[in-house]
Amino acid sequence: MAADEETTKSTEADSKTEEAVPVMEEDRSQDPLLVLANQSFLLASSETPDAEKATLKESILAQVKKGNMAPFYVHLCQTLGWIEDEALTAQMKEANATALKEFEAKEQDAKSVLRFS
């Protein structure tokens, strides 16, 4: 009987442990930057069909514009032989500079609040 009681206690402890640990659902989506890197690789590959390259280029450019990825855009132009749209590069750099200024202002506000706390 002692063994049965021990098994019951062990099973109860196991079930409590299982209840206490939340079950995490697996996220199967890929990081957008990883997808972008893969698309860039495929675009540079000589084995990728031309029809697919056109689609890849459109997708990459859309992501670059959305994320204001000016340095990456310049890199792509240099490595893939694209003609750089200097107006687009300037626009993305300006957007990045503005976002950086906003971040720095928030950082200064946070530091000043901490000093007075």
C-alpha atoms as a PDB file:
ATOM      1  CA  MET A   1       0.000   0.000   0.000  1.00  0.00           C
ATOM      2  CA  ALA A   2       2.846   2.358   0.730  1.00  0.00           C
ATOM      3  CA  ALA A   3       3.996   2.049  -2.877  1.00  0.00           C
ATOM      4  CA  ASP A   4       0.476   2.891  -4.111  1.00  0.00           C
ATOM      5  CA  GLU A   5       0.348   6.002  -1.914  1.00  0.00           C
ATOM      6  CA  GLU A   6       3.797   7.072  -3.134  1.00  0.00           C
ATOM      7  CA  THR A   7       2.719   6.631  -6.780  1.00  0.00           C
ATOM      8  CA  THR A   8      -0.443   8.661  -6.126  1.00  0.00           C
ATOM      9  CA  LYS A   9       1.562  11.471  -4.481  1.00  0.00           C
ATOM     10  CA  SER A  10       4.063  11.418  -7.346  1.00  0.00           C
ATOM     11  CA  THR A  11       1.285  11.563  -9.946  1.00  0.00           C
ATOM     12  CA  GLU A  12      -0.421  14.432  -8.099  1.00  0.00           C
ATOM     13  CA  ALA A  13       2.876  16.343  -7.944  1.00  0.00           C
ATOM     14  CA  ASP A  14       3.470  15.743 -11.657  1.00  0.00           C
ATOM     15  CA  SER A  15       0.008  17.005 -12.560  1.00  0.00           C
ATOM     16  CA  LYS A  16       0.494  20.132 -10.424  1.00  0.00           C
ATOM     17  CA  THR A  17       3.805  20.795 -12.158  1.00  0.00           C
ATOM     18  CA  GLU A  18       2.198  20.376 -15.568  1.00  0.00           C
ATOM     19  CA  GLU A  19      -0.570  22.792 -14.624  1.00  0.00           C
ATOM     20  CA  ALA A  20       1.884  25.381 -13.313  1.00  0.00           C
ATOM     21  CA  VAL A  21       3.972  25.448 -16.504  1.00  0.00           C
ATOM     22  CA  PRO A  22       2.119  27.215 -19.301  1.00  0.00           C
ATOM     23  CA  VAL A  23       2.213  25.462 -22.624  1.00  0.00           C
ATOM     24  CA  MET A  24       3.824  27.720 -25.199  1.00  0.00           C
ATOM     25  CA  GLU A  25       2.636  27.535 -28.746  1.00  0.00           C
ATOM     26  CA  GLU A  26       5.377  27.231 -31.306  1.00  0.00           C
ATOM     27  CA  ASP A  27       5.778  30.250 -33.563  1.00  0.00           C
ATOM     28  CA  ARG A  28       6.517  28.965 -37.044  1.00  0.00           C
ATOM     29  CA  SER A  29       6.819  32.347 -38.764  1.00  0.00           C
ATOM     30  CA  GLN A  30      10.289  33.445 -39.773  1.00  0.00           C
ATOM     31  CA  ASP A  31      11.933  36.665 -38.771  1.00  0.00           C
ATOM     32  CA  PRO A  32      11.385  39.210 -41.580  1.00  0.00           C
ATOM     33  CA  LEU A  33      15.095  40.022 -41.686  1.00  0.00           C
ATOM     34  CA  LEU A  34      15.929  36.361 -42.149  1.00  0.00           C
ATOM     35  CA  VAL A  35      13.445  36.170 -45.015  1.00  0.00           C
ATOM     36  CA  LEU A  36      15.018  39.298 -46.520  1.00  0.00           C
ATOM     37  CA  ALA A  37      18.501  37.782 -46.266  1.00  0.00           C
ATOM     38  CA  ASN A  38      17.290  34.601 -47.960  1.00  0.00           C
ATOM     39  CA  GLN A  39      15.614  36.570 -50.735  1.00  0.00           C
ATOM     40  CA  SER A  40      18.810  38.575 -51.278  1.00  0.00           C
ATOM     41  CA  PHE A  41      20.796  35.365 -51.532  1.00  0.00           C
ATOM     42  CA  LEU A  42      18.363  33.917 -54.056  1.00  0.00           C
ATOM     43  CA  LEU A  43      18.446  37.118 -56.089  1.00  0.00           C
ATOM     44  CA  ALA A  44      22.256  36.970 -56.283  1.00  0.00           C
ATOM     45  CA  SER A  45      22.255  33.281 -57.201  1.00  0.00           C
ATOM     46  CA  SER A  46      22.871  32.387 -60.824  1.00  0.00           C
ATOM     47  CA  GLU A  47      20.581  29.378 -60.410  1.00  0.00           C
ATOM     48  CA  THR A  48      17.476  31.501 -59.727  1.00  0.00           C
ATOM     49  CA  PRO A  49      15.278  31.928 -62.837  1.00  0.00           C
ATOM     50  CA  ASP A  50      14.960  35.480 -64.199  1.00  0.00           C
ATOM     51  CA  ALA A  51      11.182  35.504 -63.702  1.00  0.00           C
ATOM     52  CA  GLU A  52      11.646  34.724 -60.022  1.00  0.00           C
ATOM     53  CA  LYS A  53      14.402  37.343 -59.722  1.00  0.00           C
ATOM     54  CA  ALA A  54      11.997  40.090 -60.795  1.00  0.00           C
ATOM     55  CA  THR A  55       9.541  39.069 -58.070  1.00  0.00           C
ATOM     56  CA  LEU A  56      12.337  38.833 -55.496  1.00  0.00           C
ATOM     57  CA  LYS A  57      13.626  42.300 -56.389  1.00  0.00           C
ATOM     58  CA  GLU A  58      10.159  43.822 -55.965  1.00  0.00           C
ATOM     59  CA  SER A  59       9.705  42.112 -52.614  1.00  0.00           C
ATOM     60  CA  ILE A  60      13.133  43.156 -51.364  1.00  0.00           C
ATOM     61  CA  LEU A  61      12.649  46.768 -52.439  1.00  0.00           C
ATOM     62  CA  ALA A  62       9.251  46.906 -50.727  1.00  0.00           C
ATOM     63  CA  GLN A  63      10.766  45.659 -47.462  1.00  0.00           C
ATOM     64  CA  VAL A  64      13.749  47.996 -47.741  1.00  0.00           C
ATOM     65  CA  LYS A  65      11.471  51.010 -48.280  1.00  0.00           C
ATOM     66  CA  LYS A  66       9.115  49.976 -45.479  1.00  0.00           C
ATOM     67  CA  GLY A  67      11.986  49.628 -42.991  1.00  0.00           C
ATOM     68  CA  ASN A  68      14.010  52.611 -44.258  1.00  0.00           C
ATOM     69  CA  MET A  69      16.993  50.301 -44.726  1.00  0.00           C
ATOM     70  CA  ALA A  70      19.254  52.821 -46.468  1.00  0.00           C
ATOM     71  CA  PRO A  71      22.606  51.112 -45.753  1.00  0.00           C
ATOM     72  CA  PHE A  72      21.252  47.749 -46.896  1.00  0.00           C
ATOM     73  CA  TYR A  73      19.803  49.345 -50.031  1.00  0.00           C
ATOM     74  CA  VAL A  74      23.194  50.877 -50.896  1.00  0.00           C
ATOM     75  CA  HIS A  75      24.828  47.491 -50.289  1.00  0.00           C
ATOM     76  CA  LEU A  76      22.334  45.771 -52.593  1.00  0.00           C
ATOM     77  CA  CYS A  77      22.931  48.353 -55.312  1.00  0.00           C
ATOM     78  CA  GLN A  78      26.675  47.831 -55.099  1.00  0.00           C
ATOM     79  CA  THR A  79      26.630  44.030 -54.942  1.00  0.00           C
ATOM     80  CA  LEU A  80      23.805  43.363 -57.409  1.00  0.00           C
ATOM     81  CA  GLY A  81      24.626  46.114 -59.891  1.00  0.00           C
ATOM     82  CA  TRP A  82      21.419  48.076 -59.372  1.00  0.00           C
ATOM     83  CA  ILE A  83      21.310  51.758 -60.211  1.00  0.00           C
ATOM     84  CA  GLU A  84      20.936  53.552 -56.894  1.00  0.00           C
ATOM     85  CA  ASP A  85      17.994  55.911 -56.568  1.00  0.00           C
ATOM     86  CA  GLU A  86      19.754  58.711 -54.698  1.00  0.00           C
ATOM     87  CA  ALA A  87      16.467  60.423 -53.836  1.00  0.00           C
ATOM     88  CA  LEU A  88      15.217  57.213 -52.222  1.00  0.00           C
ATOM     89  CA  THR A  89      18.477  56.805 -50.310  1.00  0.00           C
ATOM     90  CA  ALA A  90      18.302  60.406 -49.068  1.00  0.00           C
ATOM     91  CA  GLN A  91      14.646  59.964 -48.063  1.00  0.00           C
ATOM     92  CA  MET A  92      15.405  56.810 -46.053  1.00  0.00           C
ATOM     93  CA  LYS A  93      18.456  58.418 -44.401  1.00  0.00           C
ATOM     94  CA  GLU A  94      16.352  61.429 -43.426  1.00  0.00           C
ATOM     95  CA  ALA A  95      13.650  59.187 -41.946  1.00  0.00           C
ATOM     96  CA  ASN A  96      16.323  57.323 -39.967  1.00  0.00           C
ATOM     97  CA  ALA A  97      17.857  60.581 -38.716  1.00  0.00           C
ATOM     98  CA  THR A  98      14.434  61.792 -37.573  1.00  0.00           C
ATOM     99  CA  ALA A  99      13.701  58.516 -35.786  1.00  0.00           C
ATOM    100  CA  LEU A 100      17.115  58.673 -34.097  1.00  0.00           C
ATOM    101  CA  LYS A 101      16.488  62.232 -32.877  1.00  0.00           C
ATOM    102  CA  GLU A 102      13.122  61.155 -31.445  1.00  0.00           C
ATOM    103  CA  PHE A 103      14.735  58.201 -29.690  1.00  0.00           C
ATOM    104  CA  GLU A 104      17.515  60.381 -28.257  1.00  0.00           C
ATOM    105  CA  ALA A 105      14.936  62.892 -26.970  1.00  0.00           C
ATOM    106  CA  LYS A 106      12.999  60.095 -25.247  1.00  0.00           C
ATOM    107  CA  GLU A 107      16.253  58.760 -23.810  1.00  0.00           C
ATOM    108  CA  GLN A 108      17.129  62.167 -22.369  1.00  0.00           C
ATOM    109  CA  ASP A 109      13.630  62.484 -20.877  1.00  0.00           C
ATOM    110  CA  ALA A 110      13.962  59.085 -19.248  1.00  0.00           C
ATOM    111  CA  LYS A 111      17.399  59.947 -17.843  1.00  0.00           C
ATOM    112  CA  SER A 112      16.129  63.227 -16.406  1.00  0.00           C
ATOM    113  CA  VAL A 113      13.176  61.473 -14.761  1.00  0.00           C
ATOM    114  CA  LEU A 114      15.533  58.947 -13.175  1.00  0.00           C
ATOM    115  CA  ARG A 115      17.742  61.734 -11.790  1.00  0.00           C
ATOM    116  CA  PHE A 116      14.797  63.288  -9.977  1.00  0.00           C
ATOM    117  CA  SER A 117      13.434  60.007  -8.629  1.00  0.00           C
END
